Amino acid sequence: MNIIGIIPARYQSSRFPGKPLAKIGNKTMIQMVYEQASKAKKLCKIVVATDDARIAETVNQFNGEVILTRKDHLNGTSRCFEVFEQYDSENPDFYTGIVNIQGDEPFINPSQIDQLCDLLTSKGAPIATLAKEINSSQDLFDPNTVKLVFNNDKEVLYFSRNPLPYARNIEQSKWLENHQYYKHIGIYGFNSTTFNEINKLKLSPLEAMESLEQLRWLENGNKIIVDITDIESFGIDTPEDLEKLINNI
């Protein structure tokens, strides 16, 4: 399986405009993500998908590969799909796997990318993602930390911003003592057939309620396979997140 890694990067983030160009030391965030992704052993190509010429110029300056996309994409998956379609039209059926690499995780671990690739190749996952154990009540009850539950075959049953499952008749302070909860690590792998299919789907009711696009895929019968990682994820959503990260380096 030939797997392409695509890094969606837009300039007009509502909470952090220009985020991909923010500096961490002497490098931009997008360069750090690109360089980390380049260390993955199981990707045969890495490309940045952006709607902004400033980001494209920055990627060109560090000799990365970049494609300019339309500005009207509603999410990163859609932006990745535009790039995938372009490559697929030039070389049909060459890339049979796609990994959507978040452009706001400058310290993404390459082994997690390879872990997703293994799910696509060895396990035959149509959609692959990662989860990590929750060990703090702050994460468990934070609506910005997405939770998930899965069956014995590691097939995801549901994602939610609320704790899953609800621990009936147990004090909330003791929920973690009675069940192992998991949070979602927002990186995805797809086989090309499924990637084509999900990008034809319309907004679904559950997706609209939770504001989680992966619920659209589940609601339409797509199987998502999850693997567990013990590596923490550090996404940058706001300037305050970036400042906190820099102070901890």
C-alpha atoms as a PDB file:
ATOM      1  CA  MET A   1       0.000   0.000   0.000  1.00  0.00           C
ATOM      2  CA  ASN A   2       1.359   3.419  -1.017  1.00  0.00           C
ATOM      3  CA  ILE A   3       0.362   5.907   1.681  1.00  0.00           C
ATOM      4  CA  ILE A   4       0.422   9.682   1.294  1.00  0.00           C
ATOM      5  CA  GLY A   5       0.537  11.988   4.309  1.00  0.00           C
ATOM      6  CA  ILE A   6      -1.397  15.232   3.842  1.00  0.00           C
ATOM      7  CA  ILE A   7      -1.090  18.159   6.264  1.00  0.00           C
ATOM      8  CA  PRO A   8      -4.051  20.581   5.999  1.00  0.00           C
ATOM      9  CA  ALA A   9      -3.057  24.119   6.990  1.00  0.00           C
ATOM     10  CA  ARG A  10      -5.324  27.147   6.727  1.00  0.00           C
ATOM     11  CA  TYR A  11      -4.472  30.709   7.641  1.00  0.00           C
ATOM     12  CA  GLN A  12      -7.824  32.037   8.881  1.00  0.00           C
ATOM     13  CA  SER A  13      -8.263  30.129  12.125  1.00  0.00           C
ATOM     14  CA  SER A  14     -10.929  31.869  14.228  1.00  0.00           C
ATOM     15  CA  ARG A  15      -9.013  31.413  17.483  1.00  0.00           C
ATOM     16  CA  PHE A  16      -5.483  31.779  16.101  1.00  0.00           C
ATOM     17  CA  PRO A  17      -5.142  33.495  12.690  1.00  0.00           C
ATOM     18  CA  GLY A  18      -1.869  32.660  10.973  1.00  0.00           C
ATOM     19  CA  LYS A  19      -1.258  29.685  13.263  1.00  0.00           C
ATOM     20  CA  PRO A  20       0.806  27.606  10.772  1.00  0.00           C
ATOM     21  CA  LEU A  21       3.294  30.493  10.513  1.00  0.00           C
ATOM     22  CA  ALA A  22       3.694  30.962  14.276  1.00  0.00           C
ATOM     23  CA  LYS A  23       7.306  30.561  15.359  1.00  0.00           C
ATOM     24  CA  ILE A  24       8.578  27.960  17.805  1.00  0.00           C
ATOM     25  CA  GLY A  25      12.230  28.780  18.234  1.00  0.00           C
ATOM     26  CA  ASN A  26      13.548  29.547  14.760  1.00  0.00           C
ATOM     27  CA  LYS A  27      11.030  27.405  12.871  1.00  0.00           C
ATOM     28  CA  THR A  28       7.401  27.869  11.905  1.00  0.00           C
ATOM     29  CA  MET A  29       4.806  25.456  13.212  1.00  0.00           C
ATOM     30  CA  ILE A  30       4.116  24.079   9.735  1.00  0.00           C
ATOM     31  CA  GLN A  31       7.813  23.330   9.216  1.00  0.00           C
ATOM     32  CA  MET A  32       7.997  21.473  12.527  1.00  0.00           C
ATOM     33  CA  VAL A  33       4.944  19.370  11.657  1.00  0.00           C
ATOM     34  CA  TYR A  34       6.357  18.625   8.204  1.00  0.00           C
ATOM     35  CA  GLU A  35       9.744  17.605   9.578  1.00  0.00           C
ATOM     36  CA  GLN A  36       8.195  15.350  12.225  1.00  0.00           C
ATOM     37  CA  ALA A  37       5.960  13.702   9.628  1.00  0.00           C
ATOM     38  CA  SER A  38       9.006  13.182   7.394  1.00  0.00           C
ATOM     39  CA  LYS A  39      10.493  10.930  10.079  1.00  0.00           C
ATOM     40  CA  ALA A  40       7.638   8.428   9.684  1.00  0.00           C
ATOM     41  CA  LYS A  41       8.889   5.298   7.936  1.00  0.00           C
ATOM     42  CA  LYS A  42       5.693   4.216   6.204  1.00  0.00           C
ATOM     43  CA  LEU A  43       4.678   7.273   4.188  1.00  0.00           C
ATOM     44  CA  CYS A  44       5.857   7.501   0.586  1.00  0.00           C
ATOM     45  CA  LYS A  45       4.969  11.196   0.195  1.00  0.00           C
ATOM     46  CA  ILE A  46       4.165  14.185   2.414  1.00  0.00           C
ATOM     47  CA  VAL A  47       2.420  17.311   1.172  1.00  0.00           C
ATOM     48  CA  VAL A  48       0.923  20.424   2.767  1.00  0.00           C
ATOM     49  CA  ALA A  49      -2.590  21.401   1.656  1.00  0.00           C
ATOM     50  CA  THR A  50      -3.175  25.120   2.177  1.00  0.00           C
ATOM     51  CA  ASP A  51      -5.435  27.901   0.944  1.00  0.00           C
ATOM     52  CA  ASP A  52      -2.911  30.656   1.628  1.00  0.00           C
ATOM     53  CA  ALA A  53       0.016  31.835  -0.502  1.00  0.00           C
ATOM     54  CA  ARG A  54       2.011  32.877   2.585  1.00  0.00           C
ATOM     55  CA  ILE A  55       1.915  29.355   3.966  1.00  0.00           C
ATOM     56  CA  ALA A  56       2.755  27.912   0.544  1.00  0.00           C
ATOM     57  CA  GLU A  57       5.758  30.241   0.240  1.00  0.00           C
ATOM     58  CA  THR A  58       6.985  29.212   3.692  1.00  0.00           C
ATOM     59  CA  VAL A  59       6.761  25.518   2.789  1.00  0.00           C
ATOM     60  CA  ASN A  60       8.650  26.159  -0.445  1.00  0.00           C
ATOM     61  CA  GLN A  61      11.375  27.951   1.509  1.00  0.00           C
ATOM     62  CA  PHE A  62      12.157  24.826   3.541  1.00  0.00           C
ATOM     63  CA  ASN A  63      11.880  22.681   0.374  1.00  0.00           C
ATOM     64  CA  GLY A  64       8.641  21.007   1.374  1.00  0.00           C
ATOM     65  CA  GLU A  65       5.924  19.962  -1.047  1.00  0.00           C
ATOM     66  CA  VAL A  66       2.742  22.057  -1.051  1.00  0.00           C
ATOM     67  CA  ILE A  67      -0.471  22.441  -3.043  1.00  0.00           C
ATOM     68  CA  LEU A  68      -2.775  25.463  -2.960  1.00  0.00           C
ATOM     69  CA  THR A  69      -6.420  24.539  -2.422  1.00  0.00           C
ATOM     70  CA  ARG A  70      -9.754  26.310  -2.567  1.00  0.00           C
ATOM     71  CA  LYS A  71     -10.683  28.508   0.388  1.00  0.00           C
ATOM     72  CA  ASP A  72     -14.216  27.175   0.873  1.00  0.00           C
ATOM     73  CA  HIS A  73     -13.396  23.899   2.647  1.00  0.00           C
ATOM     74  CA  LEU A  74     -15.304  23.432   5.904  1.00  0.00           C
ATOM     75  CA  ASN A  75     -12.800  21.027   7.462  1.00  0.00           C
ATOM     76  CA  GLY A  76      -9.350  19.540   7.036  1.00  0.00           C
ATOM     77  CA  THR A  77     -10.644  16.257   5.634  1.00  0.00           C
ATOM     78  CA  SER A  78     -12.263  18.051   2.714  1.00  0.00           C
ATOM     79  CA  ARG A  79      -9.065  20.024   2.057  1.00  0.00           C
ATOM     80  CA  CYS A  80      -7.038  16.802   2.097  1.00  0.00           C
ATOM     81  CA  PHE A  81      -9.467  15.239  -0.353  1.00  0.00           C
ATOM     82  CA  GLU A  82      -8.949  18.007  -2.906  1.00  0.00           C
ATOM     83  CA  VAL A  83      -5.213  17.314  -2.826  1.00  0.00           C
ATOM     84  CA  PHE A  84      -5.706  13.550  -2.972  1.00  0.00           C
ATOM     85  CA  GLU A  85      -7.973  13.930  -6.016  1.00  0.00           C
ATOM     86  CA  GLN A  86      -5.285  15.926  -7.786  1.00  0.00           C
ATOM     87  CA  TYR A  87      -2.626  13.277  -7.211  1.00  0.00           C
ATOM     88  CA  ASP A  88      -5.059  10.490  -8.068  1.00  0.00           C
ATOM     89  CA  SER A  89      -5.968  12.119 -11.378  1.00  0.00           C
ATOM     90  CA  GLU A  90      -2.274  12.357 -12.288  1.00  0.00           C
ATOM     91  CA  ASN A  91      -1.447   8.803 -11.208  1.00  0.00           C
ATOM     92  CA  PRO A  92      -4.693   6.808 -10.785  1.00  0.00           C
ATOM     93  CA  ASP A  93      -4.831   4.284  -7.944  1.00  0.00           C
ATOM     94  CA  PHE A  94      -1.178   4.793  -6.962  1.00  0.00           C
ATOM     95  CA  TYR A  95      -1.941   6.148  -3.485  1.00  0.00           C
ATOM     96  CA  THR A  96      -4.222   3.624  -1.822  1.00  0.00           C
ATOM     97  CA  GLY A  97      -3.843   5.031   1.698  1.00  0.00           C
ATOM     98  CA  ILE A  98      -4.119   8.556   3.109  1.00  0.00           C
ATOM     99  CA  VAL A  99      -3.084   9.913   6.509  1.00  0.00           C
ATOM    100  CA  ASN A 100      -4.535  13.270   7.573  1.00  0.00           C
ATOM    101  CA  ILE A 101      -1.829  14.834   9.773  1.00  0.00           C
ATOM    102  CA  GLN A 102      -2.950  17.726  11.965  1.00  0.00           C
ATOM    103  CA  GLY A 103      -1.108  20.930  11.069  1.00  0.00           C
ATOM    104  CA  ASP A 104      -1.211  22.266  14.631  1.00  0.00           C
ATOM    105  CA  GLU A 105       0.746  19.504  16.387  1.00  0.00           C
ATOM    106  CA  PRO A 106       4.403  20.532  16.015  1.00  0.00           C
ATOM    107  CA  PHE A 107       5.645  17.644  18.149  1.00  0.00           C
ATOM    108  CA  ILE A 108       3.592  14.867  16.581  1.00  0.00           C
ATOM    109  CA  ASN A 109       5.382  11.579  17.101  1.00  0.00           C
ATOM    110  CA  PRO A 110       6.311   9.822  13.825  1.00  0.00           C
ATOM    111  CA  SER A 111       5.635   6.444  15.438  1.00  0.00           C
ATOM    112  CA  GLN A 112       1.950   7.380  15.737  1.00  0.00           C
ATOM    113  CA  ILE A 113       1.798   7.989  11.987  1.00  0.00           C
ATOM    114  CA  ASP A 114       3.392   4.585  11.402  1.00  0.00           C
ATOM    115  CA  GLN A 115       0.930   3.057  13.875  1.00  0.00           C
ATOM    116  CA  LEU A 116      -1.950   4.342  11.734  1.00  0.00           C
ATOM    117  CA  CYS A 117      -0.294   3.039   8.585  1.00  0.00           C
ATOM    118  CA  ASP A 118      -0.074  -0.408  10.192  1.00  0.00           C
ATOM    119  CA  LEU A 119      -3.818  -0.349  10.863  1.00  0.00           C
ATOM    120  CA  LEU A 120      -4.436   0.389   7.182  1.00  0.00           C
ATOM    121  CA  THR A 121      -2.024  -2.219   5.848  1.00  0.00           C
ATOM    122  CA  SER A 122      -1.989  -5.067   8.389  1.00  0.00           C
ATOM    123  CA  LYS A 123      -5.504  -4.776   9.821  1.00  0.00           C
ATOM    124  CA  GLY A 124      -7.260  -3.656   6.640  1.00  0.00           C
ATOM    125  CA  ALA A 125      -8.902  -0.736   8.442  1.00  0.00           C
ATOM    126  CA  PRO A 126     -11.112   1.412   6.171  1.00  0.00           C
ATOM    127  CA  ILE A 127     -10.625   4.299   8.624  1.00  0.00           C
ATOM    128  CA  ALA A 128      -7.995   4.266  11.375  1.00  0.00           C
ATOM    129  CA  THR A 129      -7.437   6.508  14.372  1.00  0.00           C
ATOM    130  CA  LEU A 130      -5.808   6.538  17.822  1.00  0.00           C
ATOM    131  CA  ALA A 131      -6.895   6.848  21.441  1.00  0.00           C
ATOM    132  CA  LYS A 132      -5.131   7.332  24.761  1.00  0.00           C
ATOM    133  CA  GLU A 133      -6.121   6.456  28.307  1.00  0.00           C
ATOM    134  CA  ILE A 134      -7.633   9.291  30.329  1.00  0.00           C
ATOM    135  CA  ASN A 135      -6.005   9.689  33.722  1.00  0.00           C
ATOM    136  CA  SER A 136      -7.391  13.011  34.936  1.00  0.00           C
ATOM    137  CA  SER A 137     -10.873  14.261  35.762  1.00  0.00           C
ATOM    138  CA  GLN A 138     -10.026  17.496  33.972  1.00  0.00           C
ATOM    139  CA  ASP A 139      -9.694  15.631  30.667  1.00  0.00           C
ATOM    140  CA  LEU A 140     -12.696  13.434  31.386  1.00  0.00           C
ATOM    141  CA  PHE A 141     -15.115  16.328  31.872  1.00  0.00           C
ATOM    142  CA  ASP A 142     -13.552  18.811  29.422  1.00  0.00           C
ATOM    143  CA  PRO A 143     -15.848  19.108  26.354  1.00  0.00           C
ATOM    144  CA  ASN A 144     -12.819  20.024  24.237  1.00  0.00           C
ATOM    145  CA  THR A 145     -11.354  16.587  24.966  1.00  0.00           C
ATOM    146  CA  VAL A 146     -13.234  14.145  22.755  1.00  0.00           C
ATOM    147  CA  LYS A 147     -13.997  10.771  24.312  1.00  0.00           C
ATOM    148  CA  LEU A 148     -14.747   7.483  22.560  1.00  0.00           C
ATOM    149  CA  VAL A 149     -15.881   3.936  23.233  1.00  0.00           C
ATOM    150  CA  PHE A 150     -15.094   0.863  21.156  1.00  0.00           C
ATOM    151  CA  ASN A 151     -15.930  -2.838  21.046  1.00  0.00           C
ATOM    152  CA  ASN A 152     -13.681  -5.860  21.609  1.00  0.00           C
ATOM    153  CA  ASP A 153     -12.527  -5.701  17.988  1.00  0.00           C
ATOM    154  CA  LYS A 154     -11.387  -2.077  18.470  1.00  0.00           C
ATOM    155  CA  GLU A 155     -14.229  -0.789  16.281  1.00  0.00           C
ATOM    156  CA  VAL A 156     -15.379   2.638  17.467  1.00  0.00           C
ATOM    157  CA  LEU A 157     -18.969   2.722  18.696  1.00  0.00           C
ATOM    158  CA  TYR A 158     -19.255   6.451  19.382  1.00  0.00           C
ATOM    159  CA  PHE A 159     -17.372   9.709  19.942  1.00  0.00           C
ATOM    160  CA  SER A 160     -18.614  12.416  22.297  1.00  0.00           C
ATOM    161  CA  ARG A 161     -17.587  15.561  24.093  1.00  0.00           C
ATOM    162  CA  ASN A 162     -19.272  14.088  27.170  1.00  0.00           C
ATOM    163  CA  PRO A 163     -17.735  11.266  29.214  1.00  0.00           C
ATOM    164  CA  LEU A 164     -18.422   7.852  27.690  1.00  0.00           C
ATOM    165  CA  PRO A 165     -19.849   5.770  29.279  1.00  0.00           C
ATOM    166  CA  TYR A 166     -21.998   7.562  31.859  1.00  0.00           C
ATOM    167  CA  ALA A 167     -21.327   6.000  35.273  1.00  0.00           C
ATOM    168  CA  ARG A 168     -24.747   5.672  36.839  1.00  0.00           C
ATOM    169  CA  ASN A 169     -24.995   5.717  40.646  1.00  0.00           C
ATOM    170  CA  ILE A 170     -21.295   6.566  41.044  1.00  0.00           C
ATOM    171  CA  GLU A 171     -20.001   9.942  42.214  1.00  0.00           C
ATOM    172  CA  GLN A 172     -18.262  11.775  39.380  1.00  0.00           C
ATOM    173  CA  SER A 173     -15.105  12.083  41.459  1.00  0.00           C
ATOM    174  CA  LYS A 174     -14.855   8.271  41.405  1.00  0.00           C
ATOM    175  CA  TRP A 175     -15.634   7.586  37.747  1.00  0.00           C
ATOM    176  CA  LEU A 176     -11.978   7.053  36.829  1.00  0.00           C
ATOM    177  CA  GLU A 177     -11.615   4.563  39.666  1.00  0.00           C
ATOM    178  CA  ASN A 178     -14.389   2.407  38.227  1.00  0.00           C
ATOM    179  CA  HIS A 179     -13.739   2.468  34.487  1.00  0.00           C
ATOM    180  CA  GLN A 180     -10.921   3.070  32.013  1.00  0.00           C
ATOM    181  CA  TYR A 181     -11.920   6.031  29.847  1.00  0.00           C
ATOM    182  CA  TYR A 182     -10.245   6.980  26.566  1.00  0.00           C
ATOM    183  CA  LYS A 183      -9.711  10.244  24.724  1.00  0.00           C
ATOM    184  CA  HIS A 184      -9.448  10.586  20.979  1.00  0.00           C
ATOM    185  CA  ILE A 185      -6.151  11.509  19.336  1.00  0.00           C
ATOM    186  CA  GLY A 186      -7.274  13.416  16.249  1.00  0.00           C
ATOM    187  CA  ILE A 187      -5.222  11.833  13.499  1.00  0.00           C
ATOM    188  CA  TYR A 188      -6.852   9.680  10.810  1.00  0.00           C
ATOM    189  CA  GLY A 189      -5.853   7.164   8.192  1.00  0.00           C
ATOM    190  CA  PHE A 190      -8.104   6.087   5.309  1.00  0.00           C
ATOM    191  CA  ASN A 191      -7.990   3.611   2.486  1.00  0.00           C
ATOM    192  CA  SER A 192      -8.620   5.383  -0.805  1.00  0.00           C
ATOM    193  CA  THR A 193     -12.000   3.740  -1.460  1.00  0.00           C
ATOM    194  CA  THR A 194     -13.418   4.852   1.885  1.00  0.00           C
ATOM    195  CA  PHE A 195     -11.832   8.289   1.546  1.00  0.00           C
ATOM    196  CA  ASN A 196     -13.686   8.804  -1.719  1.00  0.00           C
ATOM    197  CA  GLU A 197     -16.961   7.647  -0.164  1.00  0.00           C
ATOM    198  CA  ILE A 198     -16.912   9.761   3.001  1.00  0.00           C
ATOM    199  CA  ASN A 199     -16.207  12.937   1.060  1.00  0.00           C
ATOM    200  CA  LYS A 200     -19.565  12.556  -0.689  1.00  0.00           C
ATOM    201  CA  LEU A 201     -21.495  12.471   2.596  1.00  0.00           C
ATOM    202  CA  LYS A 202     -23.637  15.338   3.856  1.00  0.00           C
ATOM    203  CA  LEU A 203     -23.694  16.815   7.354  1.00  0.00           C
ATOM    204  CA  SER A 204     -25.351  14.310   9.698  1.00  0.00           C
ATOM    205  CA  PRO A 205     -27.597  14.954  12.739  1.00  0.00           C
ATOM    206  CA  LEU A 206     -25.137  13.540  15.286  1.00  0.00           C
ATOM    207  CA  GLU A 207     -22.267  15.460  13.725  1.00  0.00           C
ATOM    208  CA  ALA A 208     -24.277  18.674  13.964  1.00  0.00           C
ATOM    209  CA  MET A 209     -25.104  18.069  17.629  1.00  0.00           C
ATOM    210  CA  GLU A 210     -21.566  17.250  18.785  1.00  0.00           C
ATOM    211  CA  SER A 211     -19.638  19.217  16.132  1.00  0.00           C
ATOM    212  CA  LEU A 212     -17.537  16.126  15.370  1.00  0.00           C
ATOM    213  CA  GLU A 213     -17.163  15.235  11.691  1.00  0.00           C
ATOM    214  CA  GLN A 214     -16.220  11.606  12.421  1.00  0.00           C
ATOM    215  CA  LEU A 215     -19.793  10.999  13.593  1.00  0.00           C
ATOM    216  CA  ARG A 216     -20.895  11.585   9.997  1.00  0.00           C
ATOM    217  CA  TRP A 217     -18.829   8.570   8.984  1.00  0.00           C
ATOM    218  CA  LEU A 218     -20.159   6.352  11.775  1.00  0.00           C
ATOM    219  CA  GLU A 219     -23.725   7.450  11.169  1.00  0.00           C
ATOM    220  CA  ASN A 220     -23.409   6.332   7.553  1.00  0.00           C
ATOM    221  CA  GLY A 221     -22.160   2.876   8.488  1.00  0.00           C
ATOM    222  CA  ASN A 222     -18.406   3.340   8.064  1.00  0.00           C
ATOM    223  CA  LYS A 223     -16.142   1.296  10.313  1.00  0.00           C
ATOM    224  CA  ILE A 224     -13.446   3.148  12.285  1.00  0.00           C
ATOM    225  CA  ILE A 225     -10.685   1.021  13.830  1.00  0.00           C
ATOM    226  CA  VAL A 226      -8.829   2.454  16.814  1.00  0.00           C
ATOM    227  CA  ASP A 227      -5.469   1.576  18.311  1.00  0.00           C
ATOM    228  CA  ILE A 228      -4.189   2.674  21.712  1.00  0.00           C
ATOM    229  CA  THR A 229      -1.185   4.950  22.100  1.00  0.00           C
ATOM    230  CA  ASP A 230       0.592   5.973  25.284  1.00  0.00           C
ATOM    231  CA  ILE A 231       2.039   9.098  23.651  1.00  0.00           C
ATOM    232  CA  GLU A 232       0.423  12.392  24.606  1.00  0.00           C
ATOM    233  CA  SER A 233      -0.832  14.746  21.905  1.00  0.00           C
ATOM    234  CA  PHE A 234      -0.157  18.501  22.079  1.00  0.00           C
ATOM    235  CA  GLY A 235      -2.397  20.445  19.721  1.00  0.00           C
ATOM    236  CA  ILE A 236      -2.171  24.236  19.465  1.00  0.00           C
ATOM    237  CA  ASP A 237      -5.582  25.922  19.291  1.00  0.00           C
ATOM    238  CA  THR A 238      -4.845  29.395  20.695  1.00  0.00           C
ATOM    239  CA  PRO A 239      -1.889  31.765  21.208  1.00  0.00           C
ATOM    240  CA  GLU A 240      -2.097  30.848  24.895  1.00  0.00           C
ATOM    241  CA  ASP A 241      -1.585  27.165  24.016  1.00  0.00           C
ATOM    242  CA  LEU A 242       1.517  28.102  22.041  1.00  0.00           C
ATOM    243  CA  GLU A 243       2.908  30.229  24.867  1.00  0.00           C
ATOM    244  CA  LYS A 244       2.343  27.401  27.341  1.00  0.00           C
ATOM    245  CA  LEU A 245       4.078  24.929  25.029  1.00  0.00           C
ATOM    246  CA  ILE A 246       7.085  27.192  24.468  1.00  0.00           C
ATOM    247  CA  ASN A 247       7.451  27.754  28.213  1.00  0.00           C
ATOM    248  CA  ASN A 248       7.548  23.992  28.766  1.00  0.00           C
ATOM    249  CA  ILE A 249      10.192  23.255  26.132  1.00  0.00           C
END
